[in-house]
Amino acid sequence: MTLEQLAGQLLWCGWGDAPEQDPRTYNDHARILVEEIGVGGLVLFNRNLGTPEEIAALTEELRSHAALPPLIGIDQEGGRVSR
């Protein structure tokens, strides 16, 4: 494993802020995170969520494109973080 791949494994990222791309799909932004950067974790936000079947299909697609399957988490806050 290269140094770049090791560094990518330390990152947790979300995607879906680009208005021209559907955040509920494996779009260009998700592809870059998974295939090029090789992030170790992906966070699904409300913008990424659909039906349970759509979420299952999305997470399977994310994993299928990754060299190392990323951990996948869901943001449950839905708003500002309260500390």
N, C-alpha and C. Protein backbone atom coordinates (compact mmCIF):
# COMPACT_ATOMS: atom_id res chain seq x y z
N MET A 1 0.85 -1.17 0.00
CA MET A 1 0.00 0.00 0.00
C MET A 1 0.90 1.24 0.00
N THR A 2 0.55 2.19 -0.86
CA THR A 2 1.35 3.41 -0.96
C THR A 2 1.03 4.37 0.18
N LEU A 3 1.87 5.36 0.34
CA LEU A 3 1.65 6.38 1.35
C LEU A 3 0.35 7.13 1.10
N GLU A 4 0.05 7.41 -0.17
CA GLU A 4 -1.19 8.10 -0.52
C GLU A 4 -2.41 7.27 -0.15
N GLN A 5 -2.35 5.96 -0.38
CA GLN A 5 -3.46 5.08 -0.02
C GLN A 5 -3.65 5.02 1.49
N LEU A 6 -2.55 4.97 2.21
CA LEU A 6 -2.63 4.97 3.67
C LEU A 6 -3.26 6.26 4.19
N ALA A 7 -2.86 7.38 3.60
CA ALA A 7 -3.42 8.67 4.00
C ALA A 7 -4.91 8.73 3.71
N GLY A 8 -5.34 8.22 2.56
CA GLY A 8 -6.75 8.20 2.21
C GLY A 8 -7.58 7.40 3.19
N GLN A 9 -7.01 6.33 3.73
CA GLN A 9 -7.72 5.49 4.68
C GLN A 9 -8.02 6.20 6.00
N LEU A 10 -7.35 7.30 6.26
CA LEU A 10 -7.58 8.06 7.49
C LEU A 10 -8.76 9.02 7.36
N LEU A 11 -9.26 9.22 6.16
CA LEU A 11 -10.30 10.22 5.93
C LEU A 11 -11.71 9.64 6.00
N TRP A 12 -12.60 10.42 6.59
CA TRP A 12 -14.05 10.19 6.53
C TRP A 12 -14.63 11.37 5.78
N CYS A 13 -15.41 11.11 4.73
CA CYS A 13 -15.94 12.19 3.90
C CYS A 13 -17.42 11.97 3.59
N GLY A 14 -18.07 13.06 3.28
CA GLY A 14 -19.43 13.04 2.77
C GLY A 14 -19.41 13.68 1.40
N TRP A 15 -20.50 13.55 0.65
CA TRP A 15 -20.57 14.14 -0.68
C TRP A 15 -22.01 14.54 -0.97
N GLY A 16 -22.14 15.35 -2.01
CA GLY A 16 -23.48 15.67 -2.48
C GLY A 16 -23.86 17.12 -2.48
N ASP A 17 -22.91 18.04 -2.38
CA ASP A 17 -23.25 19.46 -2.37
C ASP A 17 -23.39 20.06 -3.76
N ALA A 18 -22.96 19.36 -4.80
CA ALA A 18 -23.03 19.90 -6.17
C ALA A 18 -24.47 19.81 -6.69
N PRO A 19 -25.08 20.94 -7.03
CA PRO A 19 -26.48 20.92 -7.44
C PRO A 19 -26.75 20.15 -8.73
N GLU A 20 -25.76 19.99 -9.58
CA GLU A 20 -25.98 19.31 -10.86
C GLU A 20 -25.87 17.79 -10.76
N GLN A 21 -25.55 17.27 -9.57
CA GLN A 21 -25.41 15.83 -9.39
C GLN A 21 -26.34 15.34 -8.28
N ASP A 22 -26.96 14.19 -8.50
CA ASP A 22 -27.87 13.60 -7.53
C ASP A 22 -27.06 13.01 -6.37
N PRO A 23 -27.21 13.53 -5.15
CA PRO A 23 -26.43 13.03 -4.02
C PRO A 23 -26.86 11.65 -3.54
N ARG A 24 -27.96 11.12 -4.09
CA ARG A 24 -28.42 9.78 -3.71
C ARG A 24 -27.84 8.70 -4.61
N THR A 25 -26.91 9.09 -5.48
CA THR A 25 -26.33 8.13 -6.42
C THR A 25 -24.82 8.14 -6.31
N TYR A 26 -24.22 7.13 -6.93
CA TYR A 26 -22.77 7.06 -7.03
C TYR A 26 -22.36 8.00 -8.15
N ASN A 27 -22.21 9.29 -7.82
CA ASN A 27 -21.92 10.31 -8.82
C ASN A 27 -20.41 10.57 -8.90
N ASP A 28 -20.03 11.59 -9.67
CA ASP A 28 -18.61 11.88 -9.88
C ASP A 28 -17.88 12.20 -8.56
N HIS A 29 -18.53 12.94 -7.68
CA HIS A 29 -17.90 13.30 -6.41
C HIS A 29 -17.65 12.04 -5.57
N ALA A 30 -18.63 11.17 -5.48
CA ALA A 30 -18.46 9.91 -4.73
C ALA A 30 -17.38 9.05 -5.37
N ARG A 31 -17.34 9.02 -6.70
CA ARG A 31 -16.33 8.22 -7.41
C ARG A 31 -14.92 8.69 -7.07
N ILE A 32 -14.71 10.00 -7.04
CA ILE A 32 -13.39 10.54 -6.71
C ILE A 32 -12.99 10.13 -5.29
N LEU A 33 -13.93 10.25 -4.35
CA LEU A 33 -13.64 9.88 -2.97
C LEU A 33 -13.28 8.41 -2.84
N VAL A 34 -14.05 7.56 -3.51
CA VAL A 34 -13.88 6.12 -3.36
C VAL A 34 -12.73 5.57 -4.20
N GLU A 35 -12.70 5.93 -5.48
CA GLU A 35 -11.74 5.33 -6.39
C GLU A 35 -10.39 6.04 -6.43
N GLU A 36 -10.40 7.36 -6.41
CA GLU A 36 -9.14 8.09 -6.54
C GLU A 36 -8.46 8.36 -5.20
N ILE A 37 -9.23 8.80 -4.22
CA ILE A 37 -8.65 9.11 -2.92
C ILE A 37 -8.61 7.86 -2.04
N GLY A 38 -9.58 6.99 -2.18
CA GLY A 38 -9.62 5.77 -1.38
C GLY A 38 -9.90 6.02 0.09
N VAL A 39 -10.92 6.86 0.36
CA VAL A 39 -11.22 7.21 1.74
C VAL A 39 -11.56 5.97 2.56
N GLY A 40 -11.26 6.02 3.83
CA GLY A 40 -11.53 4.90 4.72
C GLY A 40 -12.95 4.86 5.23
N GLY A 41 -13.66 6.00 5.15
CA GLY A 41 -15.02 6.05 5.63
C GLY A 41 -15.85 7.06 4.86
N LEU A 42 -17.13 6.76 4.73
CA LEU A 42 -18.08 7.66 4.07
C LEU A 42 -19.24 7.93 5.02
N VAL A 43 -19.64 9.19 5.08
CA VAL A 43 -20.77 9.58 5.93
C VAL A 43 -21.95 9.89 5.03
N LEU A 44 -23.06 9.22 5.28
CA LEU A 44 -24.29 9.50 4.55
C LEU A 44 -25.07 10.54 5.34
N PHE A 45 -25.45 11.61 4.66
CA PHE A 45 -26.26 12.66 5.27
C PHE A 45 -27.69 12.55 4.74
N ASN A 46 -28.58 13.35 5.26
CA ASN A 46 -29.98 13.31 4.83
C ASN A 46 -30.10 13.43 3.32
N ARG A 47 -29.23 14.24 2.71
CA ARG A 47 -29.29 14.44 1.26
C ARG A 47 -28.98 13.16 0.48
N ASN A 48 -28.30 12.20 1.11
CA ASN A 48 -27.93 10.95 0.45
C ASN A 48 -28.95 9.84 0.66
N LEU A 49 -29.92 10.06 1.53
CA LEU A 49 -30.81 8.98 1.92
C LEU A 49 -32.11 8.97 1.13
N GLY A 50 -32.54 7.77 0.76
CA GLY A 50 -33.83 7.55 0.12
C GLY A 50 -34.55 6.46 0.89
N THR A 51 -35.13 5.54 0.16
CA THR A 51 -35.78 4.40 0.79
C THR A 51 -34.72 3.44 1.32
N PRO A 52 -35.09 2.53 2.22
CA PRO A 52 -34.11 1.55 2.68
C PRO A 52 -33.48 0.75 1.53
N GLU A 53 -34.25 0.44 0.52
CA GLU A 53 -33.72 -0.30 -0.63
C GLU A 53 -32.71 0.54 -1.41
N GLU A 54 -32.99 1.84 -1.56
CA GLU A 54 -32.06 2.74 -2.26
C GLU A 54 -30.76 2.90 -1.47
N ILE A 55 -30.87 2.98 -0.15
CA ILE A 55 -29.68 3.12 0.69
C ILE A 55 -28.83 1.86 0.60
N ALA A 56 -29.47 0.70 0.63
CA ALA A 56 -28.74 -0.57 0.52
C ALA A 56 -28.03 -0.65 -0.83
N ALA A 57 -28.70 -0.25 -1.90
CA ALA A 57 -28.09 -0.28 -3.23
C ALA A 57 -26.92 0.69 -3.31
N LEU A 58 -27.08 1.88 -2.73
CA LEU A 58 -26.01 2.88 -2.75
C LEU A 58 -24.79 2.39 -1.98
N THR A 59 -24.99 1.86 -0.79
CA THR A 59 -23.85 1.40 0.00
C THR A 59 -23.16 0.21 -0.68
N GLU A 60 -23.92 -0.66 -1.32
CA GLU A 60 -23.31 -1.77 -2.05
C GLU A 60 -22.48 -1.26 -3.22
N GLU A 61 -23.00 -0.25 -3.92
CA GLU A 61 -22.24 0.31 -5.03
C GLU A 61 -20.97 1.00 -4.55
N LEU A 62 -21.06 1.74 -3.45
CA LEU A 62 -19.87 2.39 -2.89
C LEU A 62 -18.80 1.35 -2.57
N ARG A 63 -19.20 0.28 -1.93
CA ARG A 63 -18.25 -0.77 -1.56
C ARG A 63 -17.68 -1.49 -2.77
N SER A 64 -18.50 -1.69 -3.79
CA SER A 64 -18.05 -2.45 -4.96
C SER A 64 -16.98 -1.73 -5.77
N HIS A 65 -16.92 -0.40 -5.67
CA HIS A 65 -15.94 0.38 -6.43
C HIS A 65 -14.65 0.64 -5.64
N ALA A 66 -14.63 0.28 -4.37
CA ALA A 66 -13.49 0.59 -3.53
C ALA A 66 -12.46 -0.53 -3.54
N ALA A 67 -11.19 -0.15 -3.51
CA ALA A 67 -10.12 -1.14 -3.39
C ALA A 67 -10.20 -1.82 -2.02
N LEU A 68 -10.40 -1.02 -0.98
CA LEU A 68 -10.66 -1.52 0.37
C LEU A 68 -12.04 -1.01 0.76
N PRO A 69 -12.96 -1.88 1.13
CA PRO A 69 -14.32 -1.42 1.46
C PRO A 69 -14.31 -0.38 2.58
N PRO A 70 -14.89 0.79 2.33
CA PRO A 70 -14.91 1.83 3.36
C PRO A 70 -15.93 1.53 4.44
N LEU A 71 -15.69 2.07 5.63
CA LEU A 71 -16.72 2.07 6.65
C LEU A 71 -17.77 3.09 6.23
N ILE A 72 -19.02 2.83 6.55
CA ILE A 72 -20.10 3.75 6.15
C ILE A 72 -20.92 4.08 7.39
N GLY A 73 -21.07 5.38 7.63
CA GLY A 73 -21.85 5.85 8.78
C GLY A 73 -22.94 6.78 8.32
N ILE A 74 -23.90 7.03 9.20
CA ILE A 74 -25.00 7.94 8.89
C ILE A 74 -25.00 9.05 9.93
N ASP A 75 -25.07 10.29 9.46
CA ASP A 75 -25.17 11.44 10.34
C ASP A 75 -26.58 11.48 10.90
N GLN A 76 -26.71 11.42 12.21
CA GLN A 76 -28.04 11.43 12.80
C GLN A 76 -28.43 12.77 13.40
N GLU A 77 -27.54 13.74 13.33
CA GLU A 77 -27.83 15.05 13.89
C GLU A 77 -28.90 15.78 13.07
N GLY A 78 -28.66 15.86 11.76
CA GLY A 78 -29.62 16.55 10.91
C GLY A 78 -29.61 18.06 11.09
N GLY A 79 -28.65 18.60 11.74
CA GLY A 79 -28.61 20.05 11.95
C GLY A 79 -27.32 20.45 12.62
N ARG A 80 -27.35 21.54 13.32
CA ARG A 80 -26.16 22.04 14.00
C ARG A 80 -25.72 21.07 15.08
N VAL A 81 -24.42 21.00 15.27
CA VAL A 81 -23.88 20.13 16.29
C VAL A 81 -24.01 20.82 17.65
N SER A 82 -24.53 20.09 18.63
CA SER A 82 -24.68 20.61 19.99
C SER A 82 -23.65 19.92 20.88
N ARG A 83 -22.77 20.71 21.49
CA ARG A 83 -21.72 20.12 22.32
C ARG A 83 -22.03 20.36 23.79
